Amino acid sequence: MKDNDEIICNCLQVTRGEIIEAIKTKGLTLVDEVGDETEAGTGCSSCHGDIEEILKEING
């Protein structure tokens, strides 16, 4: 199991747990939707790949 306290978005200090919660509660399917809800990926966008992986883990 991965650590929910892991920082995924270093620019805005958004954690794996925050991203997972947003995906599950809001039914998110796109990196841009995660950014709208959590601000993750809206800085330099280097975490987009990690966000995409989390989306795949949650949504299959």
C-alpha atoms as a PDB file:
ATOM      1  CA  MET A   1       0.000   0.000   0.000  1.00  0.00           C
ATOM      2  CA  LYS A   2       1.297   3.411  -0.940  1.00  0.00           C
ATOM      3  CA  ASP A   3       1.650   6.224   1.578  1.00  0.00           C
ATOM      4  CA  ASN A   4      -1.280   8.648   1.442  1.00  0.00           C
ATOM      5  CA  ASP A   5       0.945  11.338   3.008  1.00  0.00           C
ATOM      6  CA  GLU A   6       3.323  11.213   0.032  1.00  0.00           C
ATOM      7  CA  ILE A   7       3.551  14.594  -1.700  1.00  0.00           C
ATOM      8  CA  ILE A   8       2.535  14.119  -5.339  1.00  0.00           C
ATOM      9  CA  CYS A   9       2.457  17.771  -6.371  1.00  0.00           C
ATOM     10  CA  ASN A  10       5.629  19.363  -5.013  1.00  0.00           C
ATOM     11  CA  CYS A  11       4.719  22.857  -6.256  1.00  0.00           C
ATOM     12  CA  LEU A  12       1.514  23.021  -4.228  1.00  0.00           C
ATOM     13  CA  GLN A  13       2.212  20.326  -1.612  1.00  0.00           C
ATOM     14  CA  VAL A  14      -0.781  18.145  -2.541  1.00  0.00           C
ATOM     15  CA  THR A  15      -0.669  14.626  -1.108  1.00  0.00           C
ATOM     16  CA  ARG A  16      -1.642  11.278  -2.600  1.00  0.00           C
ATOM     17  CA  GLY A  17      -4.447  11.080  -0.006  1.00  0.00           C
ATOM     18  CA  GLU A  18      -5.920  14.426  -1.018  1.00  0.00           C
ATOM     19  CA  ILE A  19      -5.905  13.381  -4.662  1.00  0.00           C
ATOM     20  CA  ILE A  20      -7.465   9.977  -3.919  1.00  0.00           C
ATOM     21  CA  GLU A  21     -10.193  11.579  -1.803  1.00  0.00           C
ATOM     22  CA  ALA A  22     -11.063  14.063  -4.560  1.00  0.00           C
ATOM     23  CA  ILE A  23     -11.170  11.307  -7.191  1.00  0.00           C
ATOM     24  CA  LYS A  24     -13.425   9.103  -5.067  1.00  0.00           C
ATOM     25  CA  THR A  25     -15.799  11.769  -3.769  1.00  0.00           C
ATOM     26  CA  LYS A  26     -16.154  13.744  -7.010  1.00  0.00           C
ATOM     27  CA  GLY A  27     -15.890  10.878  -9.515  1.00  0.00           C
ATOM     28  CA  LEU A  28     -12.931  12.472 -11.278  1.00  0.00           C
ATOM     29  CA  THR A  29     -11.457  10.836 -14.366  1.00  0.00           C
ATOM     30  CA  LEU A  30      -9.085  13.449 -15.826  1.00  0.00           C
ATOM     31  CA  VAL A  31      -5.858  15.082 -14.641  1.00  0.00           C
ATOM     32  CA  ASP A  32      -7.410  18.520 -15.300  1.00  0.00           C
ATOM     33  CA  GLU A  33     -10.374  17.654 -13.063  1.00  0.00           C
ATOM     34  CA  VAL A  34      -7.976  16.680 -10.269  1.00  0.00           C
ATOM     35  CA  GLY A  35      -6.234  20.030 -10.763  1.00  0.00           C
ATOM     36  CA  ASP A  36      -9.536  21.903 -10.579  1.00  0.00           C
ATOM     37  CA  GLU A  37     -10.428  20.190  -7.295  1.00  0.00           C
ATOM     38  CA  THR A  38      -7.021  20.015  -5.562  1.00  0.00           C
ATOM     39  CA  GLU A  39      -4.750  22.393  -7.545  1.00  0.00           C
ATOM     40  CA  ALA A  40      -2.379  19.420  -8.047  1.00  0.00           C
ATOM     41  CA  GLY A  41      -0.643  19.674 -11.403  1.00  0.00           C
ATOM     42  CA  THR A  42      -1.497  23.316 -11.958  1.00  0.00           C
ATOM     43  CA  GLY A  43       2.043  24.567 -11.277  1.00  0.00           C
ATOM     44  CA  CYS A  44       4.848  23.087 -13.371  1.00  0.00           C
ATOM     45  CA  SER A  45       2.774  20.014 -14.373  1.00  0.00           C
ATOM     46  CA  SER A  46       5.639  17.561 -13.750  1.00  0.00           C
ATOM     47  CA  CYS A  47       3.308  15.459 -11.562  1.00  0.00           C
ATOM     48  CA  HIS A  48       0.746  14.817 -14.317  1.00  0.00           C
ATOM     49  CA  GLY A  49       2.116  11.304 -14.849  1.00  0.00           C
ATOM     50  CA  ASP A  50       1.765  10.495 -11.145  1.00  0.00           C
ATOM     51  CA  ILE A  51      -1.783  11.875 -11.082  1.00  0.00           C
ATOM     52  CA  GLU A  52      -2.620   9.778 -14.153  1.00  0.00           C
ATOM     53  CA  GLU A  53      -1.318   6.670 -12.360  1.00  0.00           C
ATOM     54  CA  ILE A  54      -3.480   7.427  -9.308  1.00  0.00           C
ATOM     55  CA  LEU A  55      -6.517   7.913 -11.552  1.00  0.00           C
ATOM     56  CA  LYS A  56      -5.835   4.484 -13.101  1.00  0.00           C
ATOM     57  CA  GLU A  57      -5.416   2.880  -9.661  1.00  0.00           C
ATOM     58  CA  ILE A  58      -8.752   4.259  -8.463  1.00  0.00           C
ATOM     59  CA  ASN A  59     -10.835   4.064 -11.644  1.00  0.00           C
ATOM     60  CA  GLY A  60      -9.332   0.947 -13.183  1.00  0.00           C
END
